[in-house]
Amino acid sequence: MRTIVVRMFVALLAAATLAGCGFKLRGSGDQYNMPFQSIYLAFPETSPLGTELKRNLRAGDNVRIEDDASKAQALFDVLSESRGKAILSLNSLGRVREYSLSYTLVFRVRDANNKELLGPTEITLRRNIAFDESQVLAKESEEQLLYRDMQADLVQQIMRRLAAIKPI
């Protein structure tokens, strides 16, 4: 009984220490102070990346997403967006054993006067995925999950870069 109480005390002490030092898990309610009040996002209407970026920007309380570029203080231009899949390794029979997935976005941010706030910026994320031809459906599902994870990481990197722009 005494060891349980000691363990509980140590766990409580560790939790209090982490809470007191300002430690936060990544993605746990980070608020970014954007240097603009409104932004226009030049993503296609059906873009999952654009939808997630809009959701993250709306989660903050000081940025309005405009449907009309002429009403926005900042313009987010997507120069290119691509996903790739390349063979990373082969087994002894010459069959694919591992793929490398990539997600690349090139964008820039301008103000209402077409002055560049953030020049063309490329973000490329890569993930490796093992492949087994006896589990094709499961591996396709895993690939989609990895792309979704890369998309979430990409949105967080975009948010940090937008927040780092010098105020207008």
N, C-alpha and C. Protein backbone atom coordinates (compact mmCIF):
# COMPACT_ATOMS: atom_id res chain seq x y z
N MET A 1 0.83 -1.19 0.00
CA MET A 1 0.00 0.00 0.00
C MET A 1 0.88 1.26 0.00
N ARG A 2 1.96 1.20 0.76
CA ARG A 2 2.82 2.37 0.87
C ARG A 2 3.50 2.68 -0.47
N THR A 3 3.90 1.62 -1.23
CA THR A 3 4.56 1.85 -2.53
C THR A 3 3.60 2.50 -3.53
N ILE A 4 2.32 2.16 -3.43
CA ILE A 4 1.33 2.78 -4.32
C ILE A 4 1.22 4.27 -4.03
N VAL A 5 1.20 4.63 -2.77
CA VAL A 5 1.11 6.04 -2.37
C VAL A 5 2.37 6.79 -2.83
N VAL A 6 3.53 6.18 -2.69
CA VAL A 6 4.78 6.82 -3.12
C VAL A 6 4.78 7.01 -4.64
N ARG A 7 4.34 6.00 -5.37
CA ARG A 7 4.29 6.11 -6.84
C ARG A 7 3.30 7.19 -7.27
N MET A 8 2.17 7.25 -6.62
CA MET A 8 1.18 8.29 -6.94
C MET A 8 1.75 9.68 -6.67
N PHE A 9 2.48 9.81 -5.57
CA PHE A 9 3.09 11.10 -5.22
C PHE A 9 4.13 11.50 -6.26
N VAL A 10 4.96 10.55 -6.69
CA VAL A 10 5.99 10.83 -7.70
C VAL A 10 5.33 11.22 -9.03
N ALA A 11 4.27 10.51 -9.43
CA ALA A 11 3.56 10.83 -10.67
C ALA A 11 2.94 12.22 -10.59
N LEU A 12 2.35 12.55 -9.45
CA LEU A 12 1.76 13.87 -9.26
C LEU A 12 2.82 14.96 -9.28
N LEU A 13 3.96 14.70 -8.67
CA LEU A 13 5.07 15.65 -8.67
C LEU A 13 5.59 15.88 -10.09
N ALA A 14 5.73 14.79 -10.88
CA ALA A 14 6.19 14.92 -12.26
C ALA A 14 5.19 15.71 -13.10
N ALA A 15 3.91 15.46 -12.93
CA ALA A 15 2.88 16.19 -13.68
C ALA A 15 2.89 17.67 -13.30
N ALA A 16 3.04 17.96 -12.03
CA ALA A 16 3.08 19.36 -11.59
C ALA A 16 4.30 20.08 -12.13
N THR A 17 5.42 19.39 -12.19
CA THR A 17 6.66 19.98 -12.73
C THR A 17 6.50 20.30 -14.21
N LEU A 18 5.95 19.37 -14.98
CA LEU A 18 5.74 19.60 -16.40
C LEU A 18 4.75 20.73 -16.64
N ALA A 19 3.69 20.77 -15.86
CA ALA A 19 2.70 21.84 -16.03
C ALA A 19 3.29 23.19 -15.65
N GLY A 20 4.15 23.22 -14.67
CA GLY A 20 4.74 24.46 -14.21
C GLY A 20 5.80 25.03 -15.13
N CYS A 21 6.42 24.18 -15.95
CA CYS A 21 7.50 24.66 -16.82
C CYS A 21 6.98 25.17 -18.15
N GLY A 22 5.68 25.07 -18.41
CA GLY A 22 5.12 25.57 -19.66
C GLY A 22 5.11 24.54 -20.77
N PHE A 23 5.39 23.28 -20.47
CA PHE A 23 5.38 22.23 -21.47
C PHE A 23 3.99 22.05 -22.03
N LYS A 24 3.90 21.96 -23.38
CA LYS A 24 2.63 21.68 -24.04
C LYS A 24 2.88 20.68 -25.16
N LEU A 25 1.96 19.77 -25.36
CA LEU A 25 2.06 18.85 -26.47
C LEU A 25 1.88 19.61 -27.77
N ARG A 26 2.57 19.17 -28.81
CA ARG A 26 2.44 19.82 -30.11
C ARG A 26 0.99 19.72 -30.58
N GLY A 27 0.45 20.84 -31.03
CA GLY A 27 -0.92 20.86 -31.53
C GLY A 27 -1.97 20.97 -30.45
N SER A 28 -1.58 21.22 -29.21
CA SER A 28 -2.55 21.30 -28.13
C SER A 28 -2.94 22.75 -27.87
N GLY A 29 -3.72 23.30 -28.77
CA GLY A 29 -4.27 24.63 -28.56
C GLY A 29 -3.29 25.76 -28.78
N ASP A 30 -2.31 25.58 -29.66
CA ASP A 30 -1.40 26.69 -29.94
C ASP A 30 -2.17 27.83 -30.58
N GLN A 31 -2.00 29.02 -30.07
CA GLN A 31 -2.60 30.20 -30.66
C GLN A 31 -1.50 31.00 -31.32
N TYR A 32 -1.70 31.32 -32.58
CA TYR A 32 -0.72 32.09 -33.31
C TYR A 32 -1.22 33.52 -33.45
N ASN A 33 -0.33 34.47 -33.24
CA ASN A 33 -0.68 35.87 -33.43
C ASN A 33 -0.33 36.26 -34.85
N MET A 34 -1.35 36.30 -35.69
CA MET A 34 -1.13 36.63 -37.09
C MET A 34 -0.99 38.14 -37.25
N PRO A 35 -0.12 38.58 -38.16
CA PRO A 35 0.09 40.02 -38.35
C PRO A 35 -0.95 40.66 -39.26
N PHE A 36 -2.07 40.00 -39.50
CA PHE A 36 -3.14 40.54 -40.34
C PHE A 36 -4.47 40.10 -39.77
N GLN A 37 -5.52 40.86 -40.09
CA GLN A 37 -6.86 40.53 -39.59
C GLN A 37 -7.67 39.71 -40.58
N SER A 38 -7.31 39.77 -41.87
CA SER A 38 -8.06 39.01 -42.88
C SER A 38 -7.09 38.45 -43.92
N ILE A 39 -7.47 37.30 -44.47
CA ILE A 39 -6.64 36.62 -45.46
C ILE A 39 -7.52 35.97 -46.51
N TYR A 40 -7.00 35.96 -47.72
CA TYR A 40 -7.65 35.25 -48.83
C TYR A 40 -6.78 34.05 -49.16
N LEU A 41 -7.36 32.86 -49.18
CA LEU A 41 -6.63 31.63 -49.48
C LEU A 41 -6.97 31.17 -50.89
N ALA A 42 -5.98 31.12 -51.76
CA ALA A 42 -6.19 30.75 -53.16
C ALA A 42 -6.09 29.24 -53.37
N PHE A 43 -6.85 28.49 -52.62
CA PHE A 43 -6.93 27.05 -52.80
C PHE A 43 -8.19 26.73 -53.60
N PRO A 44 -8.19 25.65 -54.37
CA PRO A 44 -9.45 25.22 -54.98
C PRO A 44 -10.47 24.90 -53.89
N GLU A 45 -11.73 25.05 -54.21
CA GLU A 45 -12.81 24.85 -53.22
C GLU A 45 -12.77 23.45 -52.59
N THR A 46 -12.34 22.46 -53.35
CA THR A 46 -12.36 21.08 -52.85
C THR A 46 -11.03 20.62 -52.26
N SER A 47 -10.10 21.51 -52.07
CA SER A 47 -8.78 21.14 -51.56
C SER A 47 -8.85 20.77 -50.08
N PRO A 48 -8.45 19.53 -49.72
CA PRO A 48 -8.44 19.15 -48.31
C PRO A 48 -7.42 19.98 -47.50
N LEU A 49 -6.29 20.33 -48.13
CA LEU A 49 -5.30 21.15 -47.44
C LEU A 49 -5.86 22.54 -47.16
N GLY A 50 -6.54 23.12 -48.14
CA GLY A 50 -7.16 24.43 -47.96
C GLY A 50 -8.22 24.42 -46.88
N THR A 51 -9.01 23.35 -46.84
CA THR A 51 -10.05 23.22 -45.82
C THR A 51 -9.45 23.15 -44.42
N GLU A 52 -8.39 22.36 -44.28
CA GLU A 52 -7.76 22.23 -42.95
C GLU A 52 -7.07 23.53 -42.53
N LEU A 53 -6.45 24.23 -43.48
CA LEU A 53 -5.82 25.52 -43.17
C LEU A 53 -6.88 26.53 -42.74
N LYS A 54 -8.01 26.56 -43.43
CA LYS A 54 -9.11 27.45 -43.04
C LYS A 54 -9.59 27.14 -41.63
N ARG A 55 -9.74 25.86 -41.33
CA ARG A 55 -10.19 25.44 -40.00
C ARG A 55 -9.23 25.91 -38.92
N ASN A 56 -7.92 25.79 -39.18
CA ASN A 56 -6.92 26.21 -38.20
C ASN A 56 -6.88 27.73 -38.05
N LEU A 57 -7.04 28.44 -39.14
CA LEU A 57 -7.06 29.91 -39.06
C LEU A 57 -8.30 30.40 -38.32
N ARG A 58 -9.43 29.75 -38.56
CA ARG A 58 -10.67 30.14 -37.87
C ARG A 58 -10.62 29.81 -36.38
N ALA A 59 -9.81 28.82 -36.00
CA ALA A 59 -9.70 28.44 -34.59
C ALA A 59 -9.12 29.58 -33.77
N GLY A 60 -8.24 30.37 -34.39
CA GLY A 60 -7.74 31.57 -33.72
C GLY A 60 -8.85 32.61 -33.77
N ASP A 61 -8.82 33.54 -32.87
CA ASP A 61 -9.94 34.47 -32.78
C ASP A 61 -9.74 35.79 -33.52
N ASN A 62 -8.61 36.00 -34.16
CA ASN A 62 -8.39 37.31 -34.75
C ASN A 62 -8.22 37.33 -36.26
N VAL A 63 -8.41 36.21 -36.97
CA VAL A 63 -8.23 36.20 -38.43
C VAL A 63 -9.55 35.85 -39.11
N ARG A 64 -9.90 36.66 -40.09
CA ARG A 64 -11.11 36.46 -40.87
C ARG A 64 -10.69 35.96 -42.26
N ILE A 65 -11.35 34.95 -42.76
CA ILE A 65 -11.03 34.41 -44.08
C ILE A 65 -12.01 35.01 -45.07
N GLU A 66 -11.47 35.71 -46.05
CA GLU A 66 -12.28 36.41 -47.05
C GLU A 66 -12.48 35.55 -48.29
N ASP A 67 -13.67 35.66 -48.90
CA ASP A 67 -13.94 34.98 -50.16
C ASP A 67 -13.54 35.84 -51.35
N ASP A 68 -13.36 37.13 -51.10
CA ASP A 68 -12.98 38.07 -52.15
C ASP A 68 -11.58 38.60 -51.86
N ALA A 69 -10.67 38.41 -52.81
CA ALA A 69 -9.27 38.79 -52.60
C ALA A 69 -9.11 40.29 -52.37
N SER A 70 -9.99 41.11 -52.94
CA SER A 70 -9.85 42.56 -52.80
C SER A 70 -10.18 43.06 -51.39
N LYS A 71 -10.83 42.24 -50.58
CA LYS A 71 -11.20 42.64 -49.21
C LYS A 71 -10.18 42.18 -48.17
N ALA A 72 -9.20 41.38 -48.58
CA ALA A 72 -8.26 40.78 -47.63
C ALA A 72 -7.00 41.62 -47.48
N GLN A 73 -6.44 41.60 -46.27
CA GLN A 73 -5.16 42.26 -46.01
C GLN A 73 -3.99 41.43 -46.52
N ALA A 74 -4.14 40.11 -46.51
CA ALA A 74 -3.08 39.20 -46.97
C ALA A 74 -3.66 38.23 -47.98
N LEU A 75 -2.86 37.92 -48.99
CA LEU A 75 -3.27 36.98 -50.04
C LEU A 75 -2.32 35.79 -50.03
N PHE A 76 -2.86 34.61 -49.81
CA PHE A 76 -2.07 33.37 -49.78
C PHE A 76 -2.20 32.72 -51.14
N ASP A 77 -1.12 32.73 -51.92
CA ASP A 77 -1.13 32.16 -53.27
C ASP A 77 -0.47 30.79 -53.26
N VAL A 78 -1.16 29.81 -53.79
CA VAL A 78 -0.60 28.47 -53.95
C VAL A 78 0.04 28.41 -55.33
N LEU A 79 1.36 28.27 -55.36
CA LEU A 79 2.08 28.20 -56.63
C LEU A 79 2.10 26.77 -57.16
N SER A 80 2.21 25.79 -56.28
CA SER A 80 2.09 24.39 -56.68
C SER A 80 1.86 23.52 -55.45
N GLU A 81 1.17 22.42 -55.68
CA GLU A 81 0.91 21.43 -54.63
C GLU A 81 0.98 20.07 -55.29
N SER A 82 1.79 19.18 -54.74
CA SER A 82 1.92 17.86 -55.36
C SER A 82 2.21 16.78 -54.32
N ARG A 83 1.75 15.60 -54.66
CA ARG A 83 2.04 14.40 -53.89
C ARG A 83 2.85 13.47 -54.77
N GLY A 84 3.78 12.76 -54.15
CA GLY A 84 4.60 11.84 -54.93
C GLY A 84 4.79 10.51 -54.22
N LYS A 85 5.13 9.51 -54.99
CA LYS A 85 5.37 8.17 -54.45
C LYS A 85 6.51 7.57 -55.26
N ALA A 86 7.60 7.23 -54.58
CA ALA A 86 8.77 6.68 -55.26
C ALA A 86 9.20 5.39 -54.56
N ILE A 87 9.76 4.49 -55.34
CA ILE A 87 10.26 3.23 -54.79
C ILE A 87 11.51 3.52 -53.98
N LEU A 88 11.52 3.06 -52.74
CA LEU A 88 12.65 3.29 -51.86
C LEU A 88 13.59 2.08 -51.82
N SER A 89 12.99 0.87 -51.78
CA SER A 89 13.83 -0.33 -51.76
C SER A 89 13.08 -1.52 -52.36
N LEU A 90 13.87 -2.50 -52.82
CA LEU A 90 13.33 -3.72 -53.41
C LEU A 90 13.79 -4.92 -52.59
N ASN A 91 13.01 -6.00 -52.66
CA ASN A 91 13.44 -7.23 -51.98
C ASN A 91 14.33 -8.05 -52.92
N SER A 92 14.71 -9.23 -52.51
CA SER A 92 15.63 -10.06 -53.29
C SER A 92 15.03 -10.55 -54.61
N LEU A 93 13.71 -10.53 -54.72
CA LEU A 93 13.04 -10.94 -55.95
C LEU A 93 12.78 -9.76 -56.89
N GLY A 94 13.20 -8.58 -56.49
CA GLY A 94 12.99 -7.39 -57.32
C GLY A 94 11.63 -6.75 -57.16
N ARG A 95 10.91 -7.14 -56.13
CA ARG A 95 9.59 -6.54 -55.86
C ARG A 95 9.76 -5.41 -54.84
N VAL A 96 8.83 -4.49 -54.90
CA VAL A 96 8.89 -3.32 -54.02
C VAL A 96 8.71 -3.75 -52.57
N ARG A 97 9.62 -3.26 -51.72
CA ARG A 97 9.53 -3.54 -50.29
C ARG A 97 9.14 -2.28 -49.53
N GLU A 98 9.55 -1.12 -50.05
CA GLU A 98 9.32 0.13 -49.33
C GLU A 98 9.15 1.27 -50.32
N TYR A 99 8.20 2.16 -50.02
CA TYR A 99 7.98 3.37 -50.81
C TYR A 99 8.33 4.60 -49.99
N SER A 100 8.64 5.68 -50.68
CA SER A 100 8.82 6.98 -50.05
C SER A 100 7.70 7.88 -50.55
N LEU A 101 6.88 8.38 -49.64
CA LEU A 101 5.79 9.29 -50.00
C LEU A 101 6.25 10.72 -49.76
N SER A 102 5.86 11.62 -50.65
CA SER A 102 6.24 13.03 -50.45
C SER A 102 5.03 13.92 -50.70
N TYR A 103 5.02 15.04 -50.02
CA TYR A 103 3.96 16.04 -50.18
C TYR A 103 4.67 17.38 -50.24
N THR A 104 4.51 18.10 -51.34
CA THR A 104 5.20 19.37 -51.54
C THR A 104 4.20 20.48 -51.80
N LEU A 105 4.41 21.59 -51.13
CA LEU A 105 3.59 22.79 -51.35
C LEU A 105 4.53 23.97 -51.55
N VAL A 106 4.27 24.76 -52.59
CA VAL A 106 5.00 25.99 -52.83
C VAL A 106 3.97 27.11 -52.78
N PHE A 107 4.21 28.11 -51.93
CA PHE A 107 3.26 29.20 -51.77
C PHE A 107 3.99 30.51 -51.53
N ARG A 108 3.24 31.59 -51.60
CA ARG A 108 3.75 32.90 -51.24
C ARG A 108 2.61 33.69 -50.61
N VAL A 109 2.96 34.74 -49.90
CA VAL A 109 1.97 35.60 -49.26
C VAL A 109 2.24 37.04 -49.67
N ARG A 110 1.18 37.70 -50.13
CA ARG A 110 1.28 39.11 -50.54
C ARG A 110 0.30 39.93 -49.73
N ASP A 111 0.54 41.24 -49.67
CA ASP A 111 -0.43 42.12 -49.03
C ASP A 111 -1.41 42.64 -50.08
N ALA A 112 -2.32 43.50 -49.69
CA ALA A 112 -3.35 44.01 -50.59
C ALA A 112 -2.76 44.84 -51.74
N ASN A 113 -1.56 45.36 -51.57
CA ASN A 113 -0.89 46.16 -52.61
C ASN A 113 0.07 45.33 -53.45
N ASN A 114 -0.05 44.02 -53.41
CA ASN A 114 0.81 43.08 -54.14
C ASN A 114 2.26 43.08 -53.71
N LYS A 115 2.56 43.61 -52.55
CA LYS A 115 3.92 43.57 -52.01
C LYS A 115 4.09 42.20 -51.33
N GLU A 116 5.20 41.53 -51.63
CA GLU A 116 5.43 40.21 -51.05
C GLU A 116 5.76 40.31 -49.57
N LEU A 117 4.96 39.62 -48.77
CA LEU A 117 5.24 39.52 -47.34
C LEU A 117 6.10 38.30 -47.05
N LEU A 118 5.89 37.26 -47.85
CA LEU A 118 6.66 36.02 -47.74
C LEU A 118 6.88 35.52 -49.17
N GLY A 119 8.13 35.50 -49.59
CA GLY A 119 8.46 35.07 -50.95
C GLY A 119 8.09 33.62 -51.18
N PRO A 120 8.25 33.15 -52.41
CA PRO A 120 7.92 31.75 -52.71
C PRO A 120 8.63 30.81 -51.73
N THR A 121 7.84 30.02 -51.05
CA THR A 121 8.33 29.13 -50.01
C THR A 121 7.92 27.70 -50.34
N GLU A 122 8.87 26.79 -50.30
CA GLU A 122 8.58 25.39 -50.57
C GLU A 122 8.71 24.59 -49.28
N ILE A 123 7.68 23.80 -49.02
CA ILE A 123 7.70 22.88 -47.88
C ILE A 123 7.51 21.48 -48.46
N THR A 124 8.45 20.60 -48.17
CA THR A 124 8.36 19.21 -48.62
C THR A 124 8.44 18.29 -47.42
N LEU A 125 7.47 17.41 -47.32
CA LEU A 125 7.45 16.42 -46.25
C LEU A 125 7.57 15.03 -46.87
N ARG A 126 8.27 14.14 -46.18
CA ARG A 126 8.46 12.77 -46.67
C ARG A 126 8.16 11.77 -45.56
N ARG A 127 7.57 10.67 -45.96
CA ARG A 127 7.32 9.55 -45.06
C ARG A 127 7.64 8.27 -45.81
N ASN A 128 8.17 7.28 -45.11
CA ASN A 128 8.45 5.97 -45.69
C ASN A 128 7.34 5.01 -45.29
N ILE A 129 6.99 4.12 -46.21
CA ILE A 129 5.95 3.13 -45.93
C ILE A 129 6.41 1.77 -46.46
N ALA A 130 6.35 0.77 -45.59
CA ALA A 130 6.69 -0.60 -46.00
C ALA A 130 5.54 -1.13 -46.85
N PHE A 131 5.86 -1.96 -47.83
CA PHE A 131 4.83 -2.50 -48.72
C PHE A 131 4.84 -4.01 -48.67
N ASP A 132 3.64 -4.59 -48.62
CA ASP A 132 3.48 -6.04 -48.63
C ASP A 132 2.35 -6.35 -49.59
N GLU A 133 2.66 -7.06 -50.69
CA GLU A 133 1.63 -7.30 -51.70
C GLU A 133 0.50 -8.21 -51.23
N SER A 134 0.66 -8.87 -50.10
CA SER A 134 -0.43 -9.69 -49.56
C SER A 134 -1.41 -8.84 -48.75
N GLN A 135 -1.07 -7.58 -48.52
CA GLN A 135 -1.93 -6.68 -47.74
C GLN A 135 -2.14 -5.36 -48.49
N VAL A 136 -2.51 -5.44 -49.75
CA VAL A 136 -2.60 -4.25 -50.60
C VAL A 136 -3.62 -3.26 -50.07
N LEU A 137 -4.81 -3.71 -49.69
CA LEU A 137 -5.84 -2.78 -49.21
C LEU A 137 -5.42 -2.09 -47.92
N ALA A 138 -4.81 -2.83 -47.02
CA ALA A 138 -4.36 -2.23 -45.76
C ALA A 138 -3.26 -1.21 -46.02
N LYS A 139 -2.36 -1.49 -46.95
CA LYS A 139 -1.27 -0.56 -47.26
C LYS A 139 -1.79 0.70 -47.95
N GLU A 140 -2.83 0.56 -48.79
CA GLU A 140 -3.44 1.74 -49.41
C GLU A 140 -4.06 2.63 -48.34
N SER A 141 -4.72 2.00 -47.38
CA SER A 141 -5.32 2.76 -46.28
C SER A 141 -4.24 3.44 -45.44
N GLU A 142 -3.14 2.74 -45.18
CA GLU A 142 -2.03 3.32 -44.42
C GLU A 142 -1.42 4.50 -45.18
N GLU A 143 -1.33 4.37 -46.50
CA GLU A 143 -0.79 5.45 -47.32
C GLU A 143 -1.66 6.71 -47.21
N GLN A 144 -2.98 6.52 -47.25
CA GLN A 144 -3.89 7.66 -47.11
C GLN A 144 -3.75 8.31 -45.72
N LEU A 145 -3.57 7.49 -44.70
CA LEU A 145 -3.37 8.02 -43.34
C LEU A 145 -2.07 8.82 -43.25
N LEU A 146 -1.02 8.34 -43.90
CA LEU A 146 0.25 9.06 -43.90
C LEU A 146 0.13 10.40 -44.63
N TYR A 147 -0.60 10.42 -45.75
CA TYR A 147 -0.81 11.68 -46.46
C TYR A 147 -1.62 12.66 -45.60
N ARG A 148 -2.60 12.14 -44.88
CA ARG A 148 -3.40 13.00 -43.99
C ARG A 148 -2.53 13.56 -42.85
N ASP A 149 -1.63 12.73 -42.33
CA ASP A 149 -0.70 13.17 -41.30
C ASP A 149 0.25 14.24 -41.84
N MET A 150 0.75 14.04 -43.06
CA MET A 150 1.63 15.04 -43.67
C MET A 150 0.87 16.35 -43.90
N GLN A 151 -0.40 16.24 -44.27
CA GLN A 151 -1.22 17.43 -44.48
C GLN A 151 -1.37 18.22 -43.18
N ALA A 152 -1.60 17.52 -42.08
CA ALA A 152 -1.71 18.20 -40.78
C ALA A 152 -0.39 18.87 -40.40
N ASP A 153 0.73 18.18 -40.64
CA ASP A 153 2.04 18.78 -40.36
C ASP A 153 2.28 20.00 -41.24
N LEU A 154 1.87 19.91 -42.49
CA LEU A 154 2.04 21.01 -43.43
C LEU A 154 1.26 22.23 -42.98
N VAL A 155 0.04 22.02 -42.52
CA VAL A 155 -0.78 23.13 -42.03
C VAL A 155 -0.12 23.81 -40.84
N GLN A 156 0.43 23.02 -39.92
CA GLN A 156 1.09 23.61 -38.75
C GLN A 156 2.33 24.41 -39.17
N GLN A 157 3.09 23.91 -40.15
CA GLN A 157 4.25 24.67 -40.63
C GLN A 157 3.82 25.97 -41.31
N ILE A 158 2.73 25.92 -42.07
CA ILE A 158 2.21 27.13 -42.72
C ILE A 158 1.79 28.13 -41.66
N MET A 159 1.08 27.66 -40.64
CA MET A 159 0.62 28.56 -39.56
C MET A 159 1.81 29.25 -38.89
N ARG A 160 2.87 28.50 -38.62
CA ARG A 160 4.05 29.10 -37.97
C ARG A 160 4.71 30.13 -38.90
N ARG A 161 4.76 29.83 -40.19
CA ARG A 161 5.38 30.78 -41.13
C ARG A 161 4.52 32.02 -41.32
N LEU A 162 3.20 31.85 -41.32
CA LEU A 162 2.32 33.03 -41.41
C LEU A 162 2.48 33.91 -40.16
N ALA A 163 2.58 33.27 -39.00
CA ALA A 163 2.72 34.03 -37.75
C ALA A 163 4.06 34.76 -37.69
N ALA A 164 5.08 34.26 -38.40
CA ALA A 164 6.41 34.85 -38.36
C ALA A 164 6.56 36.03 -39.33
N ILE A 165 5.56 36.28 -40.16
CA ILE A 165 5.62 37.41 -41.09
C ILE A 165 5.67 38.70 -40.30
N LYS A 166 6.50 39.62 -40.76
CA LYS A 166 6.59 40.92 -40.08
C LYS A 166 5.26 41.66 -40.26
N PRO A 167 4.80 42.34 -39.21
CA PRO A 167 3.48 43.02 -39.28
C PRO A 167 3.38 43.97 -40.46
N ILE A 168 2.17 44.04 -40.98
CA ILE A 168 1.88 44.88 -42.13
C ILE A 168 1.87 46.34 -41.73
